[in-house]
N, C-alpha and C. Protein backbone atom coordinates (compact mmCIF):
# COMPACT_ATOMS: atom_id res chain seq x y z
N MET A 1 -68.84 98.06 -57.03
CA MET A 1 -70.00 97.83 -56.19
C MET A 1 -70.96 98.86 -55.73
N THR A 2 -72.14 98.56 -55.92
CA THR A 2 -73.12 99.58 -55.65
C THR A 2 -73.88 99.40 -54.39
N ALA A 3 -74.32 100.23 -53.61
CA ALA A 3 -75.01 100.14 -52.36
C ALA A 3 -76.44 100.69 -52.65
N ARG A 4 -77.40 99.99 -52.03
CA ARG A 4 -78.77 100.55 -52.04
C ARG A 4 -79.04 100.94 -50.47
N ALA A 5 -79.85 101.81 -50.36
CA ALA A 5 -80.17 102.22 -49.11
C ALA A 5 -81.58 101.33 -48.59
N ILE A 6 -81.64 101.05 -47.57
CA ILE A 6 -82.79 100.22 -46.99
C ILE A 6 -83.79 101.14 -46.44
N LYS A 7 -84.92 101.16 -47.04
CA LYS A 7 -85.97 101.92 -46.76
C LYS A 7 -86.94 101.49 -45.68
N THR A 8 -87.16 100.25 -45.64
CA THR A 8 -88.18 99.73 -44.65
C THR A 8 -87.52 98.21 -44.15
N VAL A 9 -88.04 97.78 -42.96
CA VAL A 9 -87.50 96.52 -42.51
C VAL A 9 -88.77 95.69 -42.16
N ALA A 10 -88.95 94.57 -42.75
CA ALA A 10 -90.11 93.70 -42.31
C ALA A 10 -89.89 92.85 -41.33
N PRO A 11 -90.76 92.64 -40.41
CA PRO A 11 -90.45 91.70 -39.31
C PRO A 11 -90.58 90.14 -39.95
N PHE A 12 -89.68 89.26 -39.33
CA PHE A 12 -89.41 87.93 -39.76
C PHE A 12 -89.74 86.90 -38.58
N ALA A 13 -90.76 86.19 -38.80
CA ALA A 13 -91.34 85.20 -37.81
C ALA A 13 -90.25 84.17 -37.66
N PHE A 14 -89.38 84.05 -36.68
CA PHE A 14 -88.28 83.05 -36.58
C PHE A 14 -88.75 82.05 -35.66
N ARG A 15 -88.52 80.75 -36.00
CA ARG A 15 -88.81 79.58 -35.25
C ARG A 15 -87.89 78.50 -35.35
N SER A 16 -87.41 78.04 -34.32
CA SER A 16 -86.51 76.85 -34.39
C SER A 16 -86.96 75.58 -35.02
N ASP A 17 -86.35 74.83 -35.87
CA ASP A 17 -86.82 73.63 -36.40
C ASP A 17 -86.76 72.56 -35.28
N PHE A 18 -86.15 72.80 -34.16
CA PHE A 18 -86.17 71.71 -33.06
C PHE A 18 -87.22 71.99 -31.97
N GLY A 19 -87.98 72.99 -32.18
CA GLY A 19 -89.10 73.26 -31.30
C GLY A 19 -90.36 72.69 -31.65
N PRO A 20 -91.53 73.10 -30.92
CA PRO A 20 -92.83 72.44 -31.12
C PRO A 20 -93.10 73.02 -32.64
N GLN A 21 -93.95 72.24 -33.24
CA GLN A 21 -94.44 72.43 -34.62
C GLN A 21 -95.56 73.62 -34.45
N PRO A 22 -95.66 74.37 -35.45
CA PRO A 22 -96.95 75.30 -35.50
C PRO A 22 -98.16 74.55 -35.33
N VAL A 23 -99.28 75.01 -34.70
CA VAL A 23 -100.51 74.48 -34.49
C VAL A 23 -101.51 74.55 -35.86
N ASP A 24 -101.13 75.73 -36.44
CA ASP A 24 -102.03 76.02 -37.66
C ASP A 24 -101.29 75.30 -38.84
N ALA A 25 -101.87 73.89 -38.99
CA ALA A 25 -101.49 73.20 -40.16
C ALA A 25 -102.31 73.32 -41.33
N ALA A 26 -101.80 73.21 -42.51
CA ALA A 26 -102.57 73.14 -43.70
C ALA A 26 -103.55 72.13 -43.61
N PRO A 27 -104.80 72.21 -44.44
CA PRO A 27 -105.83 71.26 -44.37
C PRO A 27 -105.24 69.78 -45.12
N ASP A 28 -104.35 69.88 -46.14
CA ASP A 28 -104.04 68.78 -46.88
C ASP A 28 -102.86 68.02 -46.13
N GLU A 29 -102.36 68.43 -45.06
CA GLU A 29 -101.11 67.94 -44.42
C GLU A 29 -101.75 66.91 -43.49
N PRO A 30 -101.15 65.67 -43.21
CA PRO A 30 -101.53 64.82 -42.17
C PRO A 30 -101.40 65.25 -40.83
N ALA A 31 -102.44 64.77 -40.08
CA ALA A 31 -102.35 65.23 -38.65
C ALA A 31 -101.08 64.56 -37.90
N ARG A 32 -100.47 65.40 -36.97
CA ARG A 32 -99.36 65.01 -36.38
C ARG A 32 -99.81 64.19 -34.97
N VAL A 33 -98.94 63.16 -34.75
CA VAL A 33 -99.29 62.27 -33.78
C VAL A 33 -98.20 62.43 -32.47
N SER A 34 -98.72 62.46 -31.34
CA SER A 34 -97.82 62.54 -30.28
C SER A 34 -98.23 61.67 -29.06
N PHE A 35 -97.18 61.15 -28.42
CA PHE A 35 -97.35 60.16 -27.31
C PHE A 35 -96.73 60.74 -26.06
N THR A 36 -97.41 60.33 -24.84
CA THR A 36 -96.80 60.57 -23.60
C THR A 36 -95.84 59.53 -23.41
N GLY A 37 -95.05 59.76 -22.42
CA GLY A 37 -94.14 58.54 -21.93
C GLY A 37 -94.91 57.52 -21.48
N GLU A 38 -95.90 57.59 -20.75
CA GLU A 38 -96.72 56.26 -20.42
C GLU A 38 -97.51 55.77 -21.62
N GLU A 39 -97.87 56.49 -22.50
CA GLU A 39 -98.30 55.69 -23.71
C GLU A 39 -97.27 55.03 -24.48
N VAL A 40 -96.14 55.66 -24.70
CA VAL A 40 -94.98 54.85 -25.22
C VAL A 40 -94.81 53.53 -24.47
N ALA A 41 -94.65 53.62 -23.09
CA ALA A 41 -94.41 52.54 -22.29
C ALA A 41 -95.40 51.41 -22.49
N GLY A 42 -96.66 51.74 -22.68
CA GLY A 42 -97.72 51.04 -22.83
C GLY A 42 -97.79 50.29 -24.11
N LEU A 43 -97.32 50.98 -25.05
CA LEU A 43 -97.08 50.29 -26.43
C LEU A 43 -96.02 49.32 -26.57
N ILE A 44 -94.99 49.65 -25.80
CA ILE A 44 -93.85 48.77 -25.81
C ILE A 44 -94.25 47.37 -25.02
N ALA A 45 -94.94 47.52 -23.97
CA ALA A 45 -95.28 46.46 -23.00
C ALA A 45 -96.34 45.61 -24.03
N GLN A 46 -97.13 46.31 -24.74
CA GLN A 46 -98.05 45.63 -25.72
C GLN A 46 -97.52 44.79 -26.74
N VAL A 47 -96.52 45.44 -27.32
CA VAL A 47 -95.73 44.65 -28.54
C VAL A 47 -94.98 43.48 -27.83
N ARG A 48 -94.36 43.70 -26.82
CA ARG A 48 -93.53 42.52 -25.95
C ARG A 48 -94.58 41.36 -25.68
N ALA A 49 -95.71 41.69 -25.07
CA ALA A 49 -96.62 40.62 -24.89
C ALA A 49 -97.04 39.98 -25.99
N GLU A 50 -97.39 40.64 -27.04
CA GLU A 50 -97.84 39.94 -28.40
C GLU A 50 -96.62 39.16 -28.91
N THR A 51 -95.37 39.64 -28.89
CA THR A 51 -94.37 38.99 -29.44
C THR A 51 -93.95 37.62 -28.62
N LEU A 52 -94.18 37.69 -27.21
CA LEU A 52 -94.16 36.50 -26.44
C LEU A 52 -95.17 35.56 -26.81
N ALA A 53 -96.26 36.00 -26.83
CA ALA A 53 -97.51 35.04 -27.26
C ALA A 53 -97.27 34.32 -28.68
N GLU A 54 -96.70 35.27 -29.46
CA GLU A 54 -96.32 34.50 -30.91
C GLU A 54 -95.30 33.51 -30.79
N VAL A 55 -94.21 33.84 -30.05
CA VAL A 55 -93.18 32.84 -29.81
C VAL A 55 -93.66 31.60 -29.03
N ALA A 56 -94.45 31.59 -28.07
CA ALA A 56 -95.05 30.56 -27.41
C ALA A 56 -95.93 29.60 -28.26
N GLN A 57 -96.79 30.45 -29.14
CA GLN A 57 -97.55 29.64 -30.23
C GLN A 57 -96.71 28.76 -30.93
N ARG A 58 -95.55 29.53 -31.61
CA ARG A 58 -94.70 28.74 -32.43
C ARG A 58 -94.00 27.60 -31.75
N GLN A 59 -93.56 27.67 -30.61
CA GLN A 59 -93.02 26.63 -29.86
C GLN A 59 -94.02 25.56 -29.63
N ALA A 60 -95.15 25.91 -29.24
CA ALA A 60 -96.31 24.82 -29.16
C ALA A 60 -96.49 24.17 -30.31
N ALA A 61 -96.63 24.85 -31.63
CA ALA A 61 -96.91 24.13 -32.78
C ALA A 61 -95.66 23.24 -33.20
N SER A 62 -94.45 23.70 -32.97
CA SER A 62 -93.39 22.82 -33.24
C SER A 62 -93.30 21.68 -32.18
N GLU A 63 -93.69 21.64 -31.08
CA GLU A 63 -93.71 20.79 -30.14
C GLU A 63 -94.83 19.63 -30.54
N SER A 64 -95.98 20.22 -30.98
CA SER A 64 -97.10 19.21 -31.38
C SER A 64 -96.53 18.56 -32.56
N GLU A 65 -96.05 19.07 -33.47
CA GLU A 65 -95.55 18.41 -34.76
C GLU A 65 -94.65 17.29 -34.44
N ARG A 66 -93.74 17.51 -33.52
CA ARG A 66 -92.76 16.59 -33.13
C ARG A 66 -93.33 15.48 -32.44
N LEU A 67 -94.28 15.75 -31.62
CA LEU A 67 -95.15 14.59 -30.76
C LEU A 67 -96.03 13.86 -31.91
N THR A 68 -96.41 14.44 -32.78
CA THR A 68 -97.12 13.66 -33.84
C THR A 68 -96.47 12.70 -34.60
N VAL A 69 -95.10 13.08 -34.98
CA VAL A 69 -94.19 12.33 -35.67
C VAL A 69 -93.73 11.07 -34.71
N LEU A 70 -93.56 11.36 -33.34
CA LEU A 70 -93.26 10.52 -32.44
C LEU A 70 -94.39 9.45 -32.24
N ALA A 71 -95.63 9.87 -32.23
CA ALA A 71 -96.79 9.07 -32.04
C ALA A 71 -96.89 8.19 -33.25
N ARG A 72 -96.64 8.68 -34.42
CA ARG A 72 -96.75 7.91 -35.64
C ARG A 72 -95.62 6.72 -35.61
N ASP A 73 -94.36 6.99 -35.15
CA ASP A 73 -93.39 6.17 -35.26
C ASP A 73 -93.52 5.09 -34.16
N LEU A 74 -94.27 5.46 -33.07
CA LEU A 74 -94.54 4.43 -32.03
C LEU A 74 -95.67 3.51 -32.53
N ARG A 75 -96.71 3.97 -33.17
CA ARG A 75 -97.73 3.18 -33.85
C ARG A 75 -97.17 2.11 -34.84
N ALA A 76 -96.24 2.69 -35.50
CA ALA A 76 -95.62 1.69 -36.52
C ALA A 76 -94.77 0.55 -36.01
N ALA A 77 -94.24 0.88 -34.93
CA ALA A 77 -93.44 -0.02 -34.23
C ALA A 77 -94.36 -1.11 -33.52
N LEU A 78 -95.32 -0.63 -32.92
CA LEU A 78 -96.27 -1.61 -32.36
C LEU A 78 -96.84 -2.35 -33.34
N GLY A 79 -97.09 -1.81 -34.58
CA GLY A 79 -97.77 -2.82 -35.62
C GLY A 79 -96.94 -3.82 -35.95
N GLU A 80 -95.52 -3.38 -36.01
CA GLU A 80 -94.64 -4.33 -36.39
C GLU A 80 -94.39 -5.47 -35.44
N ILE A 81 -94.61 -5.19 -34.23
CA ILE A 81 -94.38 -6.27 -33.06
C ILE A 81 -95.66 -7.11 -33.06
N VAL A 82 -96.83 -6.58 -33.39
CA VAL A 82 -98.15 -7.26 -33.52
C VAL A 82 -97.92 -8.24 -34.68
N GLN A 83 -97.32 -7.62 -36.01
CA GLN A 83 -97.25 -8.69 -37.02
C GLN A 83 -96.25 -9.71 -36.79
N VAL A 84 -95.10 -9.37 -36.19
CA VAL A 84 -94.15 -10.57 -35.83
C VAL A 84 -94.78 -11.54 -34.98
N MET A 85 -95.46 -11.09 -33.96
CA MET A 85 -95.97 -12.08 -33.07
C MET A 85 -97.09 -12.82 -33.70
N SER A 86 -97.99 -12.41 -34.75
CA SER A 86 -98.71 -13.24 -35.40
C SER A 86 -98.10 -14.27 -36.18
N HIS A 87 -96.74 -13.99 -36.80
CA HIS A 87 -96.04 -14.84 -37.65
C HIS A 87 -95.52 -15.96 -36.76
N ILE A 88 -95.05 -15.62 -35.49
CA ILE A 88 -94.60 -16.61 -34.62
C ILE A 88 -95.62 -17.59 -34.21
N GLU A 89 -96.84 -16.98 -33.94
CA GLU A 89 -98.01 -17.86 -33.51
C GLU A 89 -98.31 -18.86 -34.65
N ALA A 90 -98.27 -18.40 -35.94
CA ALA A 90 -98.99 -19.09 -36.93
C ALA A 90 -97.81 -20.08 -37.56
N VAL A 91 -96.52 -19.94 -37.46
CA VAL A 91 -95.57 -20.73 -38.18
C VAL A 91 -94.81 -21.66 -37.09
N GLN A 92 -94.46 -22.89 -37.74
CA GLN A 92 -93.57 -23.68 -36.91
C GLN A 92 -92.25 -23.33 -37.65
N PHE A 93 -91.24 -22.80 -36.79
CA PHE A 93 -90.03 -22.21 -37.28
C PHE A 93 -88.91 -23.05 -36.79
N ASP A 94 -87.69 -22.94 -37.56
CA ASP A 94 -86.34 -23.61 -37.22
C ASP A 94 -85.56 -22.60 -36.52
N ALA A 95 -84.24 -22.94 -36.17
CA ALA A 95 -83.51 -22.14 -35.30
C ALA A 95 -83.17 -20.77 -36.14
N ILE A 96 -82.86 -20.94 -37.38
CA ILE A 96 -82.56 -19.74 -38.21
C ILE A 96 -83.65 -18.74 -38.24
N THR A 97 -84.96 -19.26 -38.27
CA THR A 97 -85.96 -18.34 -38.48
C THR A 97 -86.27 -17.84 -37.02
N GLU A 98 -86.09 -18.62 -36.07
CA GLU A 98 -86.29 -18.17 -34.71
C GLU A 98 -85.43 -16.99 -34.36
N ALA A 99 -83.95 -17.11 -34.84
CA ALA A 99 -83.14 -16.03 -34.41
C ALA A 99 -83.55 -14.78 -35.40
N ARG A 100 -84.12 -14.90 -36.71
CA ARG A 100 -84.40 -13.85 -37.39
C ARG A 100 -85.61 -13.00 -36.79
N LEU A 101 -86.71 -13.91 -36.33
CA LEU A 101 -87.81 -13.21 -35.73
C LEU A 101 -87.51 -12.59 -34.35
N ARG A 102 -86.44 -13.29 -33.66
CA ARG A 102 -86.18 -12.60 -32.34
C ARG A 102 -85.52 -11.20 -32.66
N GLY A 103 -84.54 -11.15 -33.72
CA GLY A 103 -83.98 -10.06 -33.99
C GLY A 103 -84.88 -8.78 -34.34
N ALA A 104 -86.07 -9.16 -35.13
CA ALA A 104 -87.06 -8.29 -35.59
C ALA A 104 -87.88 -7.80 -34.41
N VAL A 105 -88.20 -8.72 -33.44
CA VAL A 105 -88.87 -8.33 -32.06
C VAL A 105 -88.13 -7.33 -31.52
N GLU A 106 -86.84 -7.58 -31.36
CA GLU A 106 -85.91 -6.90 -30.49
C GLU A 106 -85.79 -5.45 -30.99
N ALA A 107 -85.65 -5.32 -32.38
CA ALA A 107 -85.47 -4.18 -33.00
C ALA A 107 -86.66 -3.29 -32.87
N ALA A 108 -87.87 -3.84 -33.04
CA ALA A 108 -89.01 -3.08 -32.97
C ALA A 108 -89.31 -2.62 -31.55
N ALA A 109 -89.01 -3.63 -30.55
CA ALA A 109 -89.07 -3.17 -29.15
C ALA A 109 -88.19 -2.16 -28.75
N GLY A 110 -86.88 -2.15 -29.33
CA GLY A 110 -85.81 -1.00 -29.02
C GLY A 110 -86.42 0.30 -29.61
N ARG A 111 -87.12 0.42 -30.67
CA ARG A 111 -87.61 1.46 -31.24
C ARG A 111 -88.71 2.01 -30.38
N VAL A 112 -89.73 1.12 -29.72
CA VAL A 112 -90.67 1.51 -29.04
C VAL A 112 -90.17 2.16 -27.68
N ILE A 113 -89.01 1.46 -27.20
CA ILE A 113 -88.42 1.94 -25.94
C ILE A 113 -87.71 3.33 -26.15
N ARG A 114 -87.10 3.45 -27.31
CA ARG A 114 -86.32 4.71 -27.71
C ARG A 114 -87.50 5.90 -27.75
N GLY A 115 -88.57 5.51 -28.38
CA GLY A 115 -89.82 6.46 -28.49
C GLY A 115 -90.43 6.87 -27.33
N GLN A 116 -90.57 5.90 -26.44
CA GLN A 116 -91.10 6.26 -25.08
C GLN A 116 -90.18 7.13 -24.16
N ALA A 117 -88.88 6.88 -24.50
CA ALA A 117 -87.97 7.79 -23.70
C ALA A 117 -87.96 9.28 -24.15
N ASP A 118 -88.22 9.43 -25.53
CA ASP A 118 -88.32 10.63 -26.08
C ASP A 118 -89.66 11.30 -25.63
N LEU A 119 -90.71 10.47 -25.56
CA LEU A 119 -91.91 11.00 -25.09
C LEU A 119 -91.90 11.43 -23.55
N PHE A 120 -91.19 10.60 -22.74
CA PHE A 120 -91.07 11.03 -21.31
C PHE A 120 -90.34 12.17 -21.00
N GLU A 121 -89.23 12.19 -21.92
CA GLU A 121 -88.37 13.57 -21.82
C GLU A 121 -89.25 14.83 -22.16
N THR A 122 -90.00 14.69 -23.25
CA THR A 122 -90.81 15.85 -23.56
C THR A 122 -91.84 16.05 -22.42
N LEU A 123 -92.56 15.20 -21.88
CA LEU A 123 -93.38 15.50 -20.90
C LEU A 123 -92.74 16.02 -19.60
N ALA A 124 -91.46 15.55 -19.39
CA ALA A 124 -90.76 16.33 -18.22
C ALA A 124 -90.48 17.70 -18.57
N ASP A 125 -90.05 17.96 -19.85
CA ASP A 125 -89.70 19.26 -20.07
C ASP A 125 -91.00 20.26 -20.22
N THR A 126 -92.17 19.73 -20.59
CA THR A 126 -93.24 20.52 -20.38
C THR A 126 -93.78 20.85 -18.93
N SER A 127 -93.43 19.89 -18.09
CA SER A 127 -93.94 20.12 -16.76
C SER A 127 -92.95 20.83 -16.16
N ALA A 128 -91.79 21.33 -16.50
CA ALA A 128 -90.84 22.37 -15.94
C ALA A 128 -91.52 23.68 -16.13
N PRO A 129 -91.19 24.48 -15.01
CA PRO A 129 -91.65 25.80 -15.27
C PRO A 129 -91.01 26.69 -16.47
N ALA A 130 -91.89 27.53 -16.92
CA ALA A 130 -91.47 28.32 -18.13
C ALA A 130 -90.42 29.39 -17.63
N PRO A 131 -89.39 29.58 -18.53
CA PRO A 131 -88.32 30.59 -18.25
C PRO A 131 -88.91 31.89 -18.23
N LYS A 132 -88.32 32.77 -17.35
CA LYS A 132 -88.86 34.11 -17.00
C LYS A 132 -88.35 34.84 -18.38
N GLU A 133 -89.14 35.99 -18.65
CA GLU A 133 -88.82 36.85 -19.72
C GLU A 133 -87.42 37.43 -19.69
N GLY A 134 -86.66 37.43 -20.86
CA GLY A 134 -85.43 37.97 -20.77
C GLY A 134 -84.44 36.79 -20.54
N THR A 135 -84.85 35.47 -20.17
CA THR A 135 -83.83 34.58 -19.91
C THR A 135 -83.99 33.40 -20.88
N THR A 136 -82.94 32.70 -21.12
CA THR A 136 -83.10 31.43 -22.19
C THR A 136 -82.61 30.27 -21.45
């Protein structure tokens, strides 16, 4: 093993990798971004508000779709009742026909009643106060 004598010592600019970054950045490097605690809290609040708005919008769209289907079914049932009533008024019927017509009217009326119950439940649900953030 050979040893060499040290003739000069050059100073070394030591910096910790966990400390602040140097201010003099190269022109081709992207600019560094820093936020204060208040800015981070504001961004979190903004994201939370936007997320809650999106959830509310999706729930409203889903409810609107459900009410559209419900209204279509109620219109169909009312159309069936009108059709049956026009047949009853136009035809002389015997006991068998009367029973069959009565069953059709009762089935259509039952569908209307069930549909109205769904509609009233929906209206009761929408009139209830909205849950607070963080609760389900």
